[in-house]
């Protein structure tokens, strides 16, 4: 189990580009595999999670080549995937297992999906239940609520589904299943989650209708290969945004970042806290809005975070917690119970680490109250095997008293393999 010690920094300076968006990279493989023709992808994130998706489709007969710059996916059409000869290992990737459960529910073959020790603890009932209503036959541990999941695919019926949670993974799993169901499948959420699937379905020629907090997909429509350029991941950018905001004297330019409105909750939250974040050269690439972000150090203040902001920033909360720990006053987070069922319980994990840094934190069932301090403490911190917690604690180290040692950092490779070298590149000491 590897660890790293990050020392305090005087400031952050320079210009960086973060790796490609993880969500879009996943979907580019999935859509390309079931489209007709060869889909090319540039900017693909070669993290462990995305590679798990790539390996899964190779196991189902899809030829995928990678020259280090461009991924080429030789699509098999809607009905061209082949039954895998072995169990498919999704690693640590919730996106892989949940979206593929929907896609495989529509195939005319048997498949089994599993993952690592952390993924096998994450809830799967949220996708299994609606897919079962569509006619899918899915078995798993604990009455289908935990992986491994065994899927006997085919014979799906269109449904209208009211999701109890705002989750892009749930929505996307149903959308993929809807491609194979006769008629129109619709899913509605309490509030709109990230819409990368809707944008990519439309790009590939799927028949869909977007309505208030929901989407309808018409089954049986063949998809056509596309050329995709993946923008930088705003979730990866969030660590550097927070680092530049909390480290005095910083000015950092982050180029080519995806600024999809369903993902920019972190920018809205940090701006509300007083953060200086400018969007420059806004443009559209492969159906997704993109911009360069100019971030300057700022005096932050505590705010209240709840409601529709939460799903728009759900993956960025570990980084937001670090910003709150450095802000004046108290930041309250509510209606964020979803954080308890991520790679780990992120509410409990961040609360435990921040307390060890001397930050007053009060937990509640669906959130936490964080009271900022003038200077964070230091010492050894635990990532709990969660990549976003490991990176957030590394950012906290920049303004800590003497530095922070983060335990179990191998998990960072799931989403941001170049994180630590990039952090060292811009840190001025």
Protein backbone atom coordinates (compact mmCIF):
# COMPACT_ATOMS: atom_id res chain seq x y z
CA UNK A 1 0.00 0.00 0.00
CA UNK A 2 1.79 3.12 -1.24
CA UNK A 3 1.74 6.54 0.41
CA UNK A 4 2.96 10.02 -0.48
CA UNK A 5 3.98 13.06 1.54
CA UNK A 6 2.97 16.45 0.16
CA UNK A 7 4.69 19.53 1.58
CA UNK A 8 3.14 23.01 1.88
CA UNK A 9 3.44 25.35 -1.10
CA UNK A 10 4.00 29.10 -1.33
CA UNK A 11 1.65 29.35 -4.32
CA UNK A 12 0.49 27.62 -7.49
CA UNK A 13 1.59 29.07 -10.82
CA UNK A 14 1.42 28.03 -14.44
CA UNK A 15 -0.73 26.45 -17.08
CA UNK A 16 -1.94 22.84 -17.15
CA UNK A 17 -4.18 20.48 -19.07
CA UNK A 18 -5.96 17.77 -17.10
CA UNK A 19 -6.75 14.31 -18.54
CA UNK A 20 -9.91 13.66 -20.53
CA UNK A 21 -13.34 13.52 -18.94
CA UNK A 22 -13.93 10.12 -17.32
CA UNK A 23 -17.70 10.04 -17.92
CA UNK A 24 -17.38 10.94 -21.60
CA UNK A 25 -14.52 8.48 -22.09
CA UNK A 26 -16.64 5.61 -20.70
CA UNK A 27 -19.57 6.49 -22.92
CA UNK A 28 -17.44 6.88 -26.05
CA UNK A 29 -16.36 3.23 -25.79
CA UNK A 30 -19.88 1.99 -25.06
CA UNK A 31 -21.55 3.96 -27.84
CA UNK A 32 -18.79 3.25 -30.35
CA UNK A 33 -19.01 -0.48 -29.66
CA UNK A 34 -22.71 -0.70 -30.53
CA UNK A 35 -22.63 1.78 -33.44
CA UNK A 36 -22.08 0.97 -37.11
CA UNK A 37 -18.63 1.93 -38.41
CA UNK A 38 -15.38 3.01 -36.76
CA UNK A 39 -15.57 5.59 -33.98
CA UNK A 40 -12.37 7.51 -33.20
CA UNK A 41 -11.72 9.09 -29.82
CA UNK A 42 -9.04 11.65 -28.98
CA UNK A 43 -8.36 12.84 -25.43
CA UNK A 44 -9.48 9.49 -23.98
CA UNK A 45 -8.73 9.09 -20.27
CA UNK A 46 -6.47 6.07 -19.88
CA UNK A 47 -7.27 5.61 -16.20
CA UNK A 48 -8.03 2.21 -14.71
CA UNK A 49 -11.80 2.77 -14.68
CA UNK A 50 -11.97 3.58 -18.39
CA UNK A 51 -9.60 0.77 -19.28
CA UNK A 52 -11.97 -1.62 -17.49
CA UNK A 53 -14.72 -0.51 -19.89
CA UNK A 54 -12.41 -0.98 -22.86
CA UNK A 55 -11.41 -4.50 -21.74
CA UNK A 56 -15.06 -5.40 -21.22
CA UNK A 57 -16.00 -4.64 -24.82
CA UNK A 58 -12.92 -6.36 -26.19
CA UNK A 59 -14.14 -9.43 -24.28
CA UNK A 60 -17.38 -9.18 -26.28
CA UNK A 61 -15.66 -9.22 -29.66
CA UNK A 62 -15.16 -5.50 -30.28
CA UNK A 63 -11.86 -4.56 -31.93
CA UNK A 64 -10.43 -1.50 -30.17
CA UNK A 65 -7.01 -0.14 -31.19
CA UNK A 66 -4.98 2.50 -29.36
CA UNK A 67 -1.91 4.20 -30.85
CA UNK A 68 -1.39 6.35 -27.75
CA UNK A 69 -3.18 9.35 -29.26
CA UNK A 70 -6.37 8.01 -30.86
CA UNK A 71 -8.68 5.18 -29.82
CA UNK A 72 -10.41 3.44 -32.75
CA UNK A 73 -13.52 1.40 -31.93
CA UNK A 74 -14.78 -0.95 -34.64
CA UNK A 75 -18.50 -0.90 -33.91
CA UNK A 76 -20.58 -4.07 -34.09
CA UNK A 77 -24.01 -2.45 -34.32
CA UNK A 78 -26.81 -2.80 -31.79
CA UNK A 79 -26.96 -6.60 -32.05
CA UNK A 80 -23.35 -7.47 -32.85
CA UNK A 81 -21.79 -8.03 -29.42
CA UNK A 82 -20.73 -11.60 -28.60
CA UNK A 83 -21.21 -13.53 -25.37
CA UNK A 84 -18.08 -13.11 -23.20
CA UNK A 85 -16.23 -16.33 -22.39
CA UNK A 86 -15.49 -15.24 -18.83
CA UNK A 87 -16.71 -12.98 -16.05
CA UNK A 88 -16.20 -9.28 -16.87
CA UNK A 89 -14.15 -7.45 -14.23
CA UNK A 90 -15.25 -3.80 -13.87
CA UNK A 91 -12.49 -3.04 -11.37
CA UNK A 92 -13.43 -0.07 -9.19
CA UNK A 93 -15.71 1.52 -11.78
CA UNK A 94 -19.33 2.11 -10.78
CA UNK A 95 -19.99 3.68 -14.17
CA UNK A 96 -18.77 0.56 -15.98
CA UNK A 97 -20.85 -1.91 -14.00
CA UNK A 98 -24.07 0.12 -13.82
CA UNK A 99 -24.18 1.32 -17.43
CA UNK A 100 -23.13 -2.07 -18.74
CA UNK A 101 -25.84 -3.78 -16.70
CA UNK A 102 -28.36 -1.74 -18.71
CA UNK A 103 -26.63 -2.40 -22.02
CA UNK A 104 -26.17 -6.13 -21.37
CA UNK A 105 -29.78 -6.50 -20.25
CA UNK A 106 -30.70 -5.96 -23.90
CA UNK A 107 -28.33 -8.58 -25.36
CA UNK A 108 -29.37 -12.08 -26.37
CA UNK A 109 -26.68 -13.76 -24.27
CA UNK A 110 -25.54 -14.45 -20.71
CA UNK A 111 -22.96 -12.33 -18.92
CA UNK A 112 -21.58 -11.76 -15.43
CA UNK A 113 -20.20 -8.47 -14.08
CA UNK A 114 -18.05 -8.13 -10.97
CA UNK A 115 -15.48 -5.72 -9.54
CA UNK A 116 -12.97 -5.11 -6.78
CA UNK A 117 -13.68 -5.28 -3.05
CA UNK A 118 -14.97 -1.71 -3.00
CA UNK A 119 -17.24 -2.03 -6.02
CA UNK A 120 -18.77 -5.23 -4.63
CA UNK A 121 -20.01 -3.20 -1.65
CA UNK A 122 -21.75 -0.51 -3.73
CA UNK A 123 -25.55 -0.60 -4.23
CA UNK A 124 -26.76 -2.10 -7.51
CA UNK A 125 -30.47 -2.38 -6.69
CA UNK A 126 -30.99 1.13 -8.04
CA UNK A 127 -30.29 -0.16 -11.57
CA UNK A 128 -31.44 -3.76 -11.12
CA UNK A 129 -34.98 -2.76 -10.05
CA UNK A 130 -35.93 -0.64 -13.10
CA UNK A 131 -34.21 -3.06 -15.48
CA UNK A 132 -36.16 -5.94 -13.92
CA UNK A 133 -39.34 -3.97 -14.56
CA UNK A 134 -38.29 -3.84 -18.22
CA UNK A 135 -38.12 -7.65 -18.24
CA UNK A 136 -34.42 -8.12 -17.54
CA UNK A 137 -33.35 -11.25 -15.67
CA UNK A 138 -30.60 -10.24 -13.25
CA UNK A 139 -29.29 -12.16 -10.25
CA UNK A 140 -26.81 -10.92 -7.67
CA UNK A 141 -25.80 -11.15 -4.05
CA UNK A 142 -28.25 -9.92 -1.43
CA UNK A 143 -31.30 -10.21 -3.69
CA UNK A 144 -29.59 -8.53 -6.62
CA UNK A 145 -28.38 -5.51 -4.64
CA UNK A 146 -24.67 -6.34 -4.76
CA UNK A 147 -22.21 -7.54 -7.41
CA UNK A 148 -21.38 -9.95 -8.92
CA UNK A 149 -24.40 -9.58 -11.20
CA UNK A 150 -25.46 -12.36 -13.58
CA UNK A 151 -27.48 -11.07 -16.56
CA UNK A 152 -29.58 -13.26 -18.85
CA UNK A 153 -30.25 -10.65 -21.52
CA UNK A 154 -32.93 -9.97 -24.11
CA UNK A 155 -36.69 -9.48 -24.37
CA UNK A 156 -36.97 -6.00 -22.86
CA UNK A 157 -40.13 -3.90 -22.70
CA UNK A 158 -40.25 -0.10 -22.68
CA UNK A 159 -41.25 1.54 -19.39
CA UNK A 160 -41.71 4.95 -17.83
CA UNK A 161 -39.56 5.16 -14.69
CA UNK A 162 -39.57 7.73 -11.89
CA UNK A 163 -36.12 7.46 -10.34
CA UNK A 164 -36.02 8.09 -6.57
CA UNK A 165 -32.45 9.44 -6.92
CA UNK A 166 -30.81 11.90 -9.29
CA UNK A 167 -28.13 9.65 -10.71
CA UNK A 168 -26.59 9.75 -14.18
CA UNK A 169 -25.60 6.11 -13.76
CA UNK A 170 -29.19 5.00 -13.10
CA UNK A 171 -30.54 7.17 -15.90
CA UNK A 172 -27.89 5.99 -18.37
CA UNK A 173 -28.40 2.30 -17.54
CA UNK A 174 -32.09 2.66 -18.37
CA UNK A 175 -31.28 4.64 -21.52
CA UNK A 176 -28.94 1.90 -22.77
CA UNK A 177 -31.57 -0.74 -22.05
CA UNK A 178 -34.10 1.47 -23.85
CA UNK A 179 -32.09 1.13 -27.07
CA UNK A 180 -33.10 -2.55 -27.06
CA UNK A 181 -36.72 -2.24 -25.91
CA UNK A 182 -39.68 -1.98 -28.27
CA UNK A 183 -41.29 1.46 -27.99
CA UNK A 184 -40.33 4.46 -25.90
CA UNK A 185 -38.51 4.17 -22.58
CA UNK A 186 -38.53 7.24 -20.36
CA UNK A 187 -36.82 8.07 -17.09
CA UNK A 188 -37.46 11.10 -14.88
CA UNK A 189 -35.25 12.28 -11.99
CA UNK A 190 -35.95 14.45 -8.93
CA UNK A 191 -33.48 16.95 -10.41
CA UNK A 192 -31.33 16.79 -13.53
CA UNK A 193 -28.12 14.76 -13.22
CA UNK A 194 -25.23 15.06 -15.67
CA UNK A 195 -26.41 14.73 -19.26
CA UNK A 196 -23.39 13.27 -21.06
CA UNK A 197 -25.43 10.25 -22.13
CA UNK A 198 -28.16 12.40 -23.67
CA UNK A 199 -25.60 14.45 -25.60
CA UNK A 200 -23.74 11.39 -26.85
CA UNK A 201 -26.90 9.44 -27.73
CA UNK A 202 -27.96 12.38 -29.87
CA UNK A 203 -24.48 12.67 -31.45
CA UNK A 204 -24.59 8.99 -32.49
CA UNK A 205 -28.08 9.36 -33.98
CA UNK A 206 -30.26 7.76 -31.31
CA UNK A 207 -33.91 8.80 -31.23
CA UNK A 208 -34.49 10.63 -27.97
CA UNK A 209 -36.57 13.41 -26.50
CA UNK A 210 -35.33 15.49 -23.59
CA UNK A 211 -37.90 16.97 -21.24
CA UNK A 212 -37.88 18.62 -17.82
CA UNK A 213 -35.70 16.41 -15.56
CA UNK A 214 -36.00 13.44 -17.89
CA UNK A 215 -35.41 11.75 -21.22
CA UNK A 216 -37.24 9.37 -23.56
CA UNK A 217 -35.37 6.88 -25.77
CA UNK A 218 -36.95 5.05 -28.71
CA UNK A 219 -35.70 1.49 -29.12
CA UNK A 220 -34.35 -0.20 -32.22
CA UNK A 221 -32.67 2.80 -33.85
CA UNK A 222 -29.22 1.98 -35.28
CA UNK A 223 -26.32 4.21 -34.21
CA UNK A 224 -23.63 5.63 -36.50
CA UNK A 225 -19.92 5.97 -35.69
CA UNK A 226 -18.54 9.40 -34.79
CA UNK A 227 -15.29 11.30 -34.27
CA UNK A 228 -15.08 12.32 -30.63
CA UNK A 229 -12.72 14.75 -28.90
CA UNK A 230 -12.93 14.35 -25.12
CA UNK A 231 -12.50 17.59 -23.12
CA UNK A 232 -10.59 17.78 -19.84
CA UNK A 233 -12.46 16.40 -16.84
CA UNK A 234 -13.97 19.09 -14.61
CA UNK A 235 -13.88 16.63 -11.69
CA UNK A 236 -10.11 16.33 -12.12
CA UNK A 237 -9.85 20.10 -12.59
CA UNK A 238 -11.68 20.65 -9.29
CA UNK A 239 -8.64 19.62 -7.24
CA UNK A 240 -6.48 22.21 -8.97
CA UNK A 241 -9.22 24.85 -8.81
CA UNK A 242 -9.47 24.43 -5.03
CA UNK A 243 -5.68 24.25 -4.68
CA UNK A 244 -5.25 27.60 -6.47
CA UNK A 245 -8.09 29.24 -4.53
CA UNK A 246 -6.77 28.30 -1.06
CA UNK A 247 -3.01 28.75 -1.67
CA UNK A 248 -2.08 32.46 -1.36
CA UNK A 249 -0.60 34.23 -4.39
CA UNK A 250 -1.76 31.59 -6.86
CA UNK A 251 -2.76 32.06 -10.49
CA UNK A 252 -3.44 28.95 -12.54
CA UNK A 253 -4.77 28.45 -16.07
CA UNK A 254 -6.46 25.10 -16.74
CA UNK A 255 -6.98 24.60 -20.47
CA UNK A 256 -9.65 22.71 -22.39
CA UNK A 257 -12.02 21.82 -19.54
CA UNK A 258 -15.52 20.44 -20.11
CA UNK A 259 -18.02 22.93 -18.67
CA UNK A 260 -21.25 21.02 -19.23
CA UNK A 261 -23.90 22.90 -17.17
CA UNK A 262 -24.91 19.66 -15.42
CA UNK A 263 -21.31 19.37 -14.14
CA UNK A 264 -20.41 22.97 -13.23
CA UNK A 265 -21.97 22.92 -9.78
CA UNK A 266 -18.45 22.96 -8.34
CA UNK A 267 -17.72 26.26 -10.12
CA UNK A 268 -21.01 27.77 -8.94
CA UNK A 269 -20.34 26.65 -5.36
CA UNK A 270 -16.78 27.93 -5.24
CA UNK A 271 -17.78 31.25 -6.85
CA UNK A 272 -20.51 31.60 -4.22
CA UNK A 273 -17.81 31.11 -1.59
CA UNK A 274 -15.91 34.04 -3.12
CA UNK A 275 -13.62 32.14 -5.47
CA UNK A 276 -12.15 33.89 -8.50
CA UNK A 277 -12.79 31.54 -11.45
CA UNK A 278 -13.01 32.91 -15.01
CA UNK A 279 -14.21 30.96 -18.06
CA UNK A 280 -12.23 31.95 -21.15
CA UNK A 281 -12.66 31.04 -24.84
CA UNK A 282 -15.95 29.18 -24.37
CA UNK A 283 -16.70 26.82 -27.26
CA UNK A 284 -18.36 23.52 -28.19
CA UNK A 285 -16.48 20.30 -29.03
CA UNK A 286 -18.19 16.98 -29.94
CA UNK A 287 -21.48 18.23 -28.54
CA UNK A 288 -19.97 19.33 -25.20
CA UNK A 289 -19.26 22.90 -23.98
CA UNK A 290 -15.56 23.56 -23.28
CA UNK A 291 -13.59 26.50 -21.83
CA UNK A 292 -10.25 27.47 -20.31
CA UNK A 293 -10.39 28.21 -16.56
CA UNK A 294 -8.36 31.00 -14.99
CA UNK A 295 -8.22 30.60 -11.19
CA UNK A 296 -6.73 33.04 -8.67
CA UNK A 297 -6.28 32.66 -4.92
CA UNK A 298 -9.26 34.07 -3.00
CA UNK A 299 -10.61 34.62 0.49
CA UNK A 300 -13.39 32.08 0.78
CA UNK A 301 -16.44 32.21 3.04
CA UNK A 302 -18.79 29.51 4.25
CA UNK A 303 -22.11 28.97 2.45
CA UNK A 304 -25.08 26.59 2.49
CA UNK A 305 -25.13 23.87 -0.21
CA UNK A 306 -28.27 21.85 -0.96
CA UNK A 307 -30.94 21.14 -3.57
CA UNK A 308 -30.20 20.99 -7.29
CA UNK A 309 -26.58 22.09 -6.73
CA UNK A 310 -25.77 18.73 -5.13
CA UNK A 311 -26.14 16.38 -8.14
CA UNK A 312 -24.30 18.95 -10.30
CA UNK A 313 -21.26 18.68 -8.00
CA UNK A 314 -21.63 15.22 -6.48
CA UNK A 315 -18.15 13.97 -7.43
CA UNK A 316 -16.41 17.18 -6.40
CA UNK A 317 -17.52 17.27 -2.74
CA UNK A 318 -14.25 15.93 -1.28
CA UNK A 319 -12.46 18.89 -2.91
CA UNK A 320 -15.25 21.27 -1.86
CA UNK A 321 -14.81 20.03 1.73
CA UNK A 322 -11.17 21.15 1.63
CA UNK A 323 -12.25 24.59 0.37
CA UNK A 324 -14.77 24.77 3.22
CA UNK A 325 -12.06 23.86 5.74
CA UNK A 326 -10.08 26.91 4.56
CA UNK A 327 -13.06 29.29 4.38
CA UNK A 328 -14.19 31.86 6.92
CA UNK A 329 -17.27 30.66 8.81
CA UNK A 330 -19.28 27.46 8.44
CA UNK A 331 -20.23 25.62 5.26
CA UNK A 332 -23.33 23.44 5.52
CA UNK A 333 -23.99 20.55 3.13
CA UNK A 334 -27.44 18.93 3.01
CA UNK A 335 -29.43 16.61 0.70
CA UNK A 336 -26.18 14.87 -0.20
CA UNK A 337 -26.79 11.39 1.18
CA UNK A 338 -25.59 10.01 -2.18
CA UNK A 339 -22.06 10.74 -0.91
CA UNK A 340 -22.40 7.84 1.51
CA UNK A 341 -22.58 5.26 -1.31
CA UNK A 342 -19.66 6.35 -3.47
CA UNK A 343 -16.29 4.54 -3.59
CA UNK A 344 -16.47 4.92 0.18
CA UNK A 345 -18.74 6.83 2.56
CA UNK A 346 -17.35 10.23 1.58
CA UNK A 347 -19.19 12.10 4.33
CA UNK A 348 -17.69 9.93 7.07
CA UNK A 349 -14.26 9.70 5.40
CA UNK A 350 -13.83 13.44 4.82
CA UNK A 351 -15.19 14.26 8.30
CA UNK A 352 -12.67 11.91 9.92
CA UNK A 353 -9.73 13.33 7.96
CA UNK A 354 -10.68 16.97 8.44
CA UNK A 355 -11.02 16.47 12.19
CA UNK A 356 -7.49 15.05 12.24
CA UNK A 357 -6.42 18.28 10.51
CA UNK A 358 -8.00 20.30 13.32
CA UNK A 359 -11.17 21.29 11.45
CA UNK A 360 -14.47 21.27 13.40
CA UNK A 361 -16.91 19.00 11.52
CA UNK A 362 -20.39 17.83 12.43
CA UNK A 363 -21.91 14.98 10.46
CA UNK A 364 -25.58 14.40 9.74
CA UNK A 365 -27.31 11.70 7.73
CA UNK A 366 -27.35 13.67 4.47
CA UNK A 367 -24.43 16.03 4.87
CA UNK A 368 -22.07 17.85 7.20
CA UNK A 369 -21.18 21.22 8.75
CA UNK A 370 -17.56 22.33 8.25
CA UNK A 371 -16.15 25.31 10.14
CA UNK A 372 -13.07 26.76 8.52
CA UNK A 373 -9.75 27.31 10.29
CA UNK A 374 -6.86 29.69 9.63
CA UNK A 375 -4.34 26.91 9.05
CA UNK A 376 -4.81 23.17 8.59
CA UNK A 377 -2.84 20.74 10.71
CA UNK A 378 -0.70 17.99 9.25
CA UNK A 379 0.17 14.35 9.73
CA UNK A 380 -0.96 11.05 8.30
CA UNK A 381 -4.35 10.82 6.54
CA UNK A 382 -6.31 7.87 5.15
CA UNK A 383 -7.75 7.77 1.62
CA UNK A 384 -9.99 4.77 2.39
CA UNK A 385 -9.13 3.52 -1.10
CA UNK A 386 -11.03 6.45 -2.65
CA UNK A 387 -9.23 8.35 -5.42
CA UNK A 388 -11.05 11.63 -4.85
CA UNK A 389 -10.34 11.63 -1.13
CA UNK A 390 -6.66 10.90 -1.76
CA UNK A 391 -6.39 13.84 -4.17
CA UNK A 392 -8.38 16.18 -1.92
CA UNK A 393 -6.09 15.49 1.03
CA UNK A 394 -3.09 16.12 -1.22
CA UNK A 395 -4.54 19.54 -2.03
CA UNK A 396 -5.11 20.22 1.67
CA UNK A 397 -1.42 19.49 2.26
CA UNK A 398 -0.46 22.61 0.27
CA UNK A 399 -1.79 24.84 3.07
CA UNK A 400 -1.12 22.50 5.99
CA UNK A 401 1.20 22.87 8.93
CA UNK A 402 4.24 20.86 7.90
CA UNK A 403 2.68 18.67 5.22
CA UNK A 404 0.41 15.64 4.96
CA UNK A 405 1.18 11.98 4.29
CA UNK A 406 -1.69 10.36 2.36
CA UNK A 407 -1.98 6.60 2.76
CA UNK A 408 -3.16 4.20 0.02
CA UNK A 409 -2.71 6.39 -3.05
CA UNK A 410 -2.78 3.64 -5.69
CA UNK A 411 -6.50 4.36 -6.13
CA UNK A 412 -5.65 7.70 -7.81
CA UNK A 413 -4.77 5.75 -10.97
CA UNK A 414 -8.46 4.94 -11.49
CA UNK A 415 -9.18 8.48 -12.68
CA UNK A 416 -6.05 10.68 -12.74
CA UNK A 417 -2.78 8.76 -13.23
CA UNK A 418 -0.73 11.95 -13.72
CA UNK A 419 -2.13 13.85 -10.72
CA UNK A 420 0.92 13.88 -8.45
CA UNK A 421 3.49 14.95 -11.10
CA UNK A 422 1.10 17.67 -12.28
CA UNK A 423 0.63 18.96 -8.72
CA UNK A 424 4.38 19.14 -8.23
CA UNK A 425 4.78 20.95 -11.57
CA UNK A 426 2.64 23.93 -10.50
CA UNK A 427 3.50 24.06 -6.77
CA UNK A 428 5.96 26.84 -5.93
CA UNK A 429 8.04 26.05 -2.83
